[in-house]
Amino acid sequence: MESPNRPKKLIFFLLLVALLGGAGYFAYTKGLLDSFIKKEAATVEQPAQEQVSVFEPVTEPILMPPTRISIKERNISAAVIEVGLQTDGTLDTPKKWNEAGWYKKGAKPGEEGNVIINAHFDDNLGRPAAFWQLKNATVGDTVLLEDSLGRLYAYQIVDSLLVDINDPDRLKVLEGTEDKSELTLITCGGVWLPGKSTYDKRLVVKAELIDSF
């Protein structure tokens, strides 16, 4: 036998469903669901923070000492070693006749300042040494310096002069010029002085940087 309250329960259930459906529709039309969906999407779609590199960009080139010098027009080619100064302030010279010496406190190839390199003119028996042919170098000749990384620096000769070994201003050739990369080559010149076992002058050749590769 059916309960007399069953129709009432059924009507109550249908009304509850209708109310819940209406509330859901109201929430949707008022943008509550839409806002929730947008919030979730925004949370998911947030861009990742930009990664910052720990390495600073290198703005200055790494310059190295010269290891070789050559002047093709004069058949000059010699290994380069580091040298310092003697007690009188003049450059020390390489121990070997066929080597050139780079002043280690001067500029490096490609660097602003004065790259200073010297070498012997001849040996103790008068035979040609590393810079024997430097006396024939002329304006416009190209001097190539190779550094320890194998890079080449081309300098063009712009001047040459003889400096007396007793000239009080003789050390000025070691000075550099600002905002310019220049090269100074030095060897013996003039007349042999038997009593001093040296020549009375120094041949100084000046060159300026024109290219690197």
C-alpha atoms as a PDB file:
ATOM      1  CA  MET A   1       0.000   0.000   0.000  1.00  0.00           C
ATOM      2  CA  GLU A   2       1.396   3.433  -1.017  1.00  0.00           C
ATOM      3  CA  SER A   3       2.241   5.961   1.680  1.00  0.00           C
ATOM      4  CA  PRO A   4       0.134   9.136   1.514  1.00  0.00           C
ATOM      5  CA  ASN A   5       3.317  11.224   1.992  1.00  0.00           C
ATOM      6  CA  ARG A   6       5.030   9.879  -1.126  1.00  0.00           C
ATOM      7  CA  PRO A   7       3.606  12.511  -3.540  1.00  0.00           C
ATOM      8  CA  LYS A   8       4.715  15.256  -1.150  1.00  0.00           C
ATOM      9  CA  LYS A   9       8.252  13.876  -0.984  1.00  0.00           C
ATOM     10  CA  LEU A  10       8.403  13.689  -4.751  1.00  0.00           C
ATOM     11  CA  ILE A  11       7.217  17.282  -5.121  1.00  0.00           C
ATOM     12  CA  PHE A  12       9.794  18.429  -2.512  1.00  0.00           C
ATOM     13  CA  PHE A  13      12.596  16.611  -4.339  1.00  0.00           C
ATOM     14  CA  LEU A  14      11.649  18.201  -7.679  1.00  0.00           C
ATOM     15  CA  LEU A  15      11.534  21.645  -6.108  1.00  0.00           C
ATOM     16  CA  LEU A  16      15.016  21.115  -4.576  1.00  0.00           C
ATOM     17  CA  VAL A  17      16.464  20.110  -7.937  1.00  0.00           C
ATOM     18  CA  ALA A  18      14.905  23.155  -9.567  1.00  0.00           C
ATOM     19  CA  LEU A  19      16.309  25.464  -6.906  1.00  0.00           C
ATOM     20  CA  LEU A  20      19.819  24.051  -7.190  1.00  0.00           C
ATOM     21  CA  GLY A  21      19.736  24.293 -10.964  1.00  0.00           C
ATOM     22  CA  GLY A  22      18.537  27.880 -10.766  1.00  0.00           C
ATOM     23  CA  ALA A  23      21.276  28.812  -8.317  1.00  0.00           C
ATOM     24  CA  GLY A  24      23.895  27.285 -10.592  1.00  0.00           C
ATOM     25  CA  TYR A  25      22.563  29.157 -13.590  1.00  0.00           C
ATOM     26  CA  PHE A  26      22.491  32.396 -11.596  1.00  0.00           C
ATOM     27  CA  ALA A  27      26.101  31.944 -10.539  1.00  0.00           C
ATOM     28  CA  TYR A  28      27.161  31.271 -14.104  1.00  0.00           C
ATOM     29  CA  THR A  29      25.271  34.280 -15.531  1.00  0.00           C
ATOM     30  CA  LYS A  30      26.746  36.575 -12.886  1.00  0.00           C
ATOM     31  CA  GLY A  31      30.261  35.572 -13.878  1.00  0.00           C
ATOM     32  CA  LEU A  32      31.230  33.627 -10.775  1.00  0.00           C
ATOM     33  CA  LEU A  33      32.146  30.516 -12.697  1.00  0.00           C
ATOM     34  CA  ASP A  34      33.730  32.584 -15.445  1.00  0.00           C
ATOM     35  CA  SER A  35      35.893  34.450 -12.929  1.00  0.00           C
ATOM     36  CA  PHE A  36      36.949  31.198 -11.315  1.00  0.00           C
ATOM     37  CA  ILE A  37      37.909  29.701 -14.679  1.00  0.00           C
ATOM     38  CA  LYS A  38      39.863  32.844 -15.648  1.00  0.00           C
ATOM     39  CA  LYS A  39      41.668  32.817 -12.307  1.00  0.00           C
ATOM     40  CA  GLU A  40      42.708  29.213 -12.795  1.00  0.00           C
ATOM     41  CA  ALA A  41      43.858  29.919 -16.355  1.00  0.00           C
ATOM     42  CA  ALA A  42      45.881  32.947 -15.228  1.00  0.00           C
ATOM     43  CA  THR A  43      47.581  30.852 -12.569  1.00  0.00           C
ATOM     44  CA  VAL A  44      48.576  28.216 -15.093  1.00  0.00           C
ATOM     45  CA  GLU A  45      49.618  30.635 -17.851  1.00  0.00           C
ATOM     46  CA  GLN A  46      51.938  32.856 -15.771  1.00  0.00           C
ATOM     47  CA  PRO A  47      55.211  33.233 -17.706  1.00  0.00           C
ATOM     48  CA  ALA A  48      58.377  31.867 -16.178  1.00  0.00           C
ATOM     49  CA  GLN A  49      60.755  34.432 -14.721  1.00  0.00           C
ATOM     50  CA  GLU A  50      63.583  35.466 -17.027  1.00  0.00           C
ATOM     51  CA  GLN A  51      66.804  33.655 -16.230  1.00  0.00           C
ATOM     52  CA  VAL A  52      69.750  35.939 -15.541  1.00  0.00           C
ATOM     53  CA  SER A  53      73.160  34.723 -16.704  1.00  0.00           C
ATOM     54  CA  VAL A  54      75.884  34.546 -14.076  1.00  0.00           C
ATOM     55  CA  PHE A  55      78.482  35.388 -16.722  1.00  0.00           C
ATOM     56  CA  GLU A  56      79.166  39.045 -17.437  1.00  0.00           C
ATOM     57  CA  PRO A  57      79.749  39.942 -21.101  1.00  0.00           C
ATOM     58  CA  VAL A  58      83.425  40.369 -22.009  1.00  0.00           C
ATOM     59  CA  THR A  59      83.940  43.876 -23.364  1.00  0.00           C
ATOM     60  CA  GLU A  60      87.733  43.966 -23.522  1.00  0.00           C
ATOM     61  CA  PRO A  61      89.777  41.637 -25.729  1.00  0.00           C
ATOM     62  CA  ILE A  62      92.272  39.330 -24.067  1.00  0.00           C
ATOM     63  CA  LEU A  63      95.733  40.404 -25.235  1.00  0.00           C
ATOM     64  CA  MET A  64      98.789  38.172 -25.051  1.00  0.00           C
ATOM     65  CA  PRO A  65     102.571  38.656 -25.357  1.00  0.00           C
ATOM     66  CA  PRO A  66     104.194  38.359 -28.795  1.00  0.00           C
ATOM     67  CA  THR A  67     105.980  35.126 -29.645  1.00  0.00           C
ATOM     68  CA  ARG A  68     107.214  35.897 -33.166  1.00  0.00           C
ATOM     69  CA  ILE A  69     108.092  38.887 -35.348  1.00  0.00           C
ATOM     70  CA  SER A  70     108.541  39.024 -39.108  1.00  0.00           C
ATOM     71  CA  ILE A  71     109.106  41.593 -41.856  1.00  0.00           C
ATOM     72  CA  LYS A  72     108.616  39.753 -45.122  1.00  0.00           C
ATOM     73  CA  GLU A  73     110.075  42.535 -47.282  1.00  0.00           C
ATOM     74  CA  ARG A  74     113.379  42.375 -45.359  1.00  0.00           C
ATOM     75  CA  ASN A  75     113.572  38.614 -44.783  1.00  0.00           C
ATOM     76  CA  ILE A  76     113.317  39.086 -41.021  1.00  0.00           C
ATOM     77  CA  SER A  77     111.779  36.322 -38.905  1.00  0.00           C
ATOM     78  CA  ALA A  78     112.588  35.650 -35.257  1.00  0.00           C
ATOM     79  CA  ALA A  79     111.140  34.155 -32.100  1.00  0.00           C
ATOM     80  CA  VAL A  80     110.314  36.696 -29.380  1.00  0.00           C
ATOM     81  CA  ILE A  81     111.093  36.306 -25.670  1.00  0.00           C
ATOM     82  CA  GLU A  82     110.418  38.598 -22.701  1.00  0.00           C
ATOM     83  CA  VAL A  83     113.095  41.041 -21.514  1.00  0.00           C
ATOM     84  CA  GLY A  84     113.334  43.698 -18.804  1.00  0.00           C
ATOM     85  CA  LEU A  85     115.494  46.763 -18.189  1.00  0.00           C
ATOM     86  CA  GLN A  86     119.174  47.035 -17.330  1.00  0.00           C
ATOM     87  CA  THR A  87     120.431  49.129 -14.410  1.00  0.00           C
ATOM     88  CA  ASP A  88     120.932  52.181 -16.656  1.00  0.00           C
ATOM     89  CA  GLY A  89     117.308  52.075 -17.797  1.00  0.00           C
ATOM     90  CA  THR A  90     118.019  50.685 -21.249  1.00  0.00           C
ATOM     91  CA  LEU A  91     116.470  47.499 -22.562  1.00  0.00           C
ATOM     92  CA  ASP A  92     118.089  44.191 -21.820  1.00  0.00           C
ATOM     93  CA  THR A  93     118.942  42.108 -24.889  1.00  0.00           C
ATOM     94  CA  PRO A  94     118.136  38.480 -25.746  1.00  0.00           C
ATOM     95  CA  LYS A  95     120.789  35.901 -24.886  1.00  0.00           C
ATOM     96  CA  LYS A  96     120.558  34.349 -28.350  1.00  0.00           C
ATOM     97  CA  TRP A  97     121.632  36.187 -31.487  1.00  0.00           C
ATOM     98  CA  ASN A  98     118.671  34.994 -33.537  1.00  0.00           C
ATOM     99  CA  GLU A  99     115.981  35.944 -30.983  1.00  0.00           C
ATOM    100  CA  ALA A 100     114.135  39.207 -30.377  1.00  0.00           C
ATOM    101  CA  GLY A 101     113.212  40.619 -26.976  1.00  0.00           C
ATOM    102  CA  TRP A 102     109.836  42.122 -26.035  1.00  0.00           C
ATOM    103  CA  TYR A 103     109.795  44.585 -23.132  1.00  0.00           C
ATOM    104  CA  LYS A 104     107.446  42.807 -20.724  1.00  0.00           C
ATOM    105  CA  LYS A 105     106.228  45.996 -19.011  1.00  0.00           C
ATOM    106  CA  GLY A 106     105.306  47.631 -22.288  1.00  0.00           C
ATOM    107  CA  ALA A 107     102.156  47.218 -24.350  1.00  0.00           C
ATOM    108  CA  LYS A 108     101.094  43.895 -25.850  1.00  0.00           C
ATOM    109  CA  PRO A 109     100.307  43.499 -29.563  1.00  0.00           C
ATOM    110  CA  GLY A 110      97.027  45.245 -30.378  1.00  0.00           C
ATOM    111  CA  GLU A 111      97.024  47.207 -27.128  1.00  0.00           C
ATOM    112  CA  GLU A 112      97.095  50.993 -26.891  1.00  0.00           C
ATOM    113  CA  GLY A 113     100.610  52.112 -26.079  1.00  0.00           C
ATOM    114  CA  ASN A 114     104.110  51.216 -27.224  1.00  0.00           C
ATOM    115  CA  VAL A 115     105.038  47.624 -28.083  1.00  0.00           C
ATOM    116  CA  ILE A 116     108.832  47.582 -27.723  1.00  0.00           C
ATOM    117  CA  ILE A 117     110.993  44.888 -29.319  1.00  0.00           C
ATOM    118  CA  ASN A 118     114.766  44.795 -29.712  1.00  0.00           C
ATOM    119  CA  ALA A 119     117.255  42.331 -31.179  1.00  0.00           C
ATOM    120  CA  HIS A 120     120.932  42.054 -32.047  1.00  0.00           C
ATOM    121  CA  PHE A 121     122.251  43.527 -35.288  1.00  0.00           C
ATOM    122  CA  ASP A 122     125.148  41.047 -35.488  1.00  0.00           C
ATOM    123  CA  ASP A 123     126.946  38.529 -33.289  1.00  0.00           C
ATOM    124  CA  ASN A 124     130.313  38.835 -31.558  1.00  0.00           C
ATOM    125  CA  LEU A 125     132.054  37.768 -34.772  1.00  0.00           C
ATOM    126  CA  GLY A 126     130.231  40.289 -36.926  1.00  0.00           C
ATOM    127  CA  ARG A 127     127.893  37.769 -38.520  1.00  0.00           C
ATOM    128  CA  PRO A 128     124.255  38.781 -39.223  1.00  0.00           C
ATOM    129  CA  ALA A 129     121.852  38.403 -36.289  1.00  0.00           C
ATOM    130  CA  ALA A 130     118.052  38.686 -35.957  1.00  0.00           C
ATOM    131  CA  PHE A 131     117.729  42.391 -36.912  1.00  0.00           C
ATOM    132  CA  TRP A 132     120.573  42.557 -39.441  1.00  0.00           C
ATOM    133  CA  GLN A 133     118.207  43.593 -42.227  1.00  0.00           C
ATOM    134  CA  LEU A 134     116.322  46.164 -40.147  1.00  0.00           C
ATOM    135  CA  LYS A 135     118.700  48.812 -41.502  1.00  0.00           C
ATOM    136  CA  ASN A 136     117.059  48.352 -44.906  1.00  0.00           C
ATOM    137  CA  ALA A 137     113.469  48.676 -43.666  1.00  0.00           C
ATOM    138  CA  THR A 138     111.569  51.565 -45.237  1.00  0.00           C
ATOM    139  CA  VAL A 139     108.363  53.486 -44.617  1.00  0.00           C
ATOM    140  CA  GLY A 140     105.432  51.350 -45.735  1.00  0.00           C
ATOM    141  CA  ASP A 141     106.962  47.973 -44.858  1.00  0.00           C
ATOM    142  CA  THR A 142     104.664  45.700 -42.823  1.00  0.00           C
ATOM    143  CA  VAL A 143     105.747  44.181 -39.517  1.00  0.00           C
ATOM    144  CA  LEU A 144     103.783  41.136 -38.352  1.00  0.00           C
ATOM    145  CA  LEU A 145     103.586  40.180 -34.685  1.00  0.00           C
ATOM    146  CA  GLU A 146     102.179  36.800 -33.689  1.00  0.00           C
ATOM    147  CA  ASP A 147     100.960  36.326 -30.121  1.00  0.00           C
ATOM    148  CA  SER A 148     100.818  33.195 -27.973  1.00  0.00           C
ATOM    149  CA  LEU A 149      97.281  32.438 -29.219  1.00  0.00           C
ATOM    150  CA  GLY A 150      98.343  32.501 -32.866  1.00  0.00           C
ATOM    151  CA  ARG A 151      96.707  35.858 -33.637  1.00  0.00           C
ATOM    152  CA  LEU A 152      98.492  38.229 -36.014  1.00  0.00           C
ATOM    153  CA  TYR A 153      98.873  41.990 -35.704  1.00  0.00           C
ATOM    154  CA  ALA A 154     100.059  44.039 -38.677  1.00  0.00           C
ATOM    155  CA  TYR A 155     102.036  47.236 -38.087  1.00  0.00           C
ATOM    156  CA  GLN A 156     103.139  49.582 -40.862  1.00  0.00           C
ATOM    157  CA  ILE A 157     106.500  51.347 -40.601  1.00  0.00           C
ATOM    158  CA  VAL A 158     106.118  55.134 -40.469  1.00  0.00           C
ATOM    159  CA  ASP A 159     109.613  56.333 -39.493  1.00  0.00           C
ATOM    160  CA  SER A 160     113.189  55.340 -38.642  1.00  0.00           C
ATOM    161  CA  LEU A 161     115.994  57.228 -36.924  1.00  0.00           C
ATOM    162  CA  LEU A 162     119.411  56.835 -35.315  1.00  0.00           C
ATOM    163  CA  VAL A 163     119.804  57.718 -31.629  1.00  0.00           C
ATOM    164  CA  ASP A 164     123.220  58.280 -30.026  1.00  0.00           C
ATOM    165  CA  ILE A 165     123.879  56.003 -27.055  1.00  0.00           C
ATOM    166  CA  ASN A 166     124.944  59.067 -25.032  1.00  0.00           C
ATOM    167  CA  ASP A 167     121.883  61.133 -25.914  1.00  0.00           C
ATOM    168  CA  PRO A 168     120.186  62.128 -22.619  1.00  0.00           C
ATOM    169  CA  ASP A 169     116.811  61.791 -24.343  1.00  0.00           C
ATOM    170  CA  ARG A 170     117.516  58.348 -25.766  1.00  0.00           C
ATOM    171  CA  LEU A 171     114.976  56.665 -23.470  1.00  0.00           C
ATOM    172  CA  LYS A 172     112.101  58.712 -24.889  1.00  0.00           C
ATOM    173  CA  VAL A 173     111.747  56.115 -27.630  1.00  0.00           C
ATOM    174  CA  LEU A 174     110.326  53.819 -24.947  1.00  0.00           C
ATOM    175  CA  GLU A 175     107.424  56.162 -24.266  1.00  0.00           C
ATOM    176  CA  GLY A 176     104.016  55.453 -25.765  1.00  0.00           C
ATOM    177  CA  THR A 177     101.334  57.581 -27.388  1.00  0.00           C
ATOM    178  CA  GLU A 178      97.833  57.675 -25.919  1.00  0.00           C
ATOM    179  CA  ASP A 179      94.915  56.282 -27.945  1.00  0.00           C
ATOM    180  CA  LYS A 180      97.284  54.598 -30.391  1.00  0.00           C
ATOM    181  CA  SER A 181      98.870  51.162 -30.714  1.00  0.00           C
ATOM    182  CA  GLU A 182     102.419  51.585 -31.962  1.00  0.00           C
ATOM    183  CA  LEU A 183     105.494  49.423 -32.318  1.00  0.00           C
ATOM    184  CA  THR A 184     109.115  50.376 -31.680  1.00  0.00           C
ATOM    185  CA  LEU A 185     111.930  48.193 -33.022  1.00  0.00           C
ATOM    186  CA  ILE A 186     115.473  48.751 -31.762  1.00  0.00           C
ATOM    187  CA  THR A 187     118.852  47.403 -32.827  1.00  0.00           C
ATOM    188  CA  CYS A 188     122.443  48.571 -33.032  1.00  0.00           C
ATOM    189  CA  GLY A 189     123.577  51.059 -35.650  1.00  0.00           C
ATOM    190  CA  GLY A 190     126.298  53.559 -36.471  1.00  0.00           C
ATOM    191  CA  VAL A 191     129.983  52.823 -35.835  1.00  0.00           C
ATOM    192  CA  TRP A 192     131.505  49.989 -33.816  1.00  0.00           C
ATOM    193  CA  LEU A 193     133.303  51.104 -30.631  1.00  0.00           C
ATOM    194  CA  PRO A 194     135.980  48.466 -29.864  1.00  0.00           C
ATOM    195  CA  GLY A 195     136.679  49.781 -26.379  1.00  0.00           C
ATOM    196  CA  LYS A 196     133.000  49.543 -25.405  1.00  0.00           C
ATOM    197  CA  SER A 197     132.125  46.438 -27.426  1.00  0.00           C
ATOM    198  CA  THR A 198     129.053  48.122 -28.836  1.00  0.00           C
ATOM    199  CA  TYR A 199     127.924  50.518 -31.554  1.00  0.00           C
ATOM    200  CA  ASP A 200     127.719  54.270 -30.989  1.00  0.00           C
ATOM    201  CA  LYS A 201     124.078  54.523 -32.040  1.00  0.00           C
ATOM    202  CA  ARG A 202     120.787  52.682 -31.940  1.00  0.00           C
ATOM    203  CA  LEU A 203     118.568  52.250 -34.968  1.00  0.00           C
ATOM    204  CA  VAL A 204     114.950  52.932 -33.980  1.00  0.00           C
ATOM    205  CA  VAL A 205     112.084  51.987 -36.297  1.00  0.00           C
ATOM    206  CA  LYS A 206     108.550  53.180 -35.527  1.00  0.00           C
ATOM    207  CA  ALA A 207     105.369  51.511 -36.808  1.00  0.00           C
ATOM    208  CA  GLU A 208     101.615  51.831 -36.242  1.00  0.00           C
ATOM    209  CA  LEU A 209      98.908  49.164 -36.005  1.00  0.00           C
ATOM    210  CA  ILE A 210      96.866  48.827 -39.214  1.00  0.00           C
ATOM    211  CA  ASP A 211      95.159  45.436 -38.867  1.00  0.00           C
ATOM    212  CA  SER A 212      94.705  42.281 -36.793  1.00  0.00           C
ATOM    213  CA  PHE A 213      93.492  38.827 -37.782  1.00  0.00           C
END
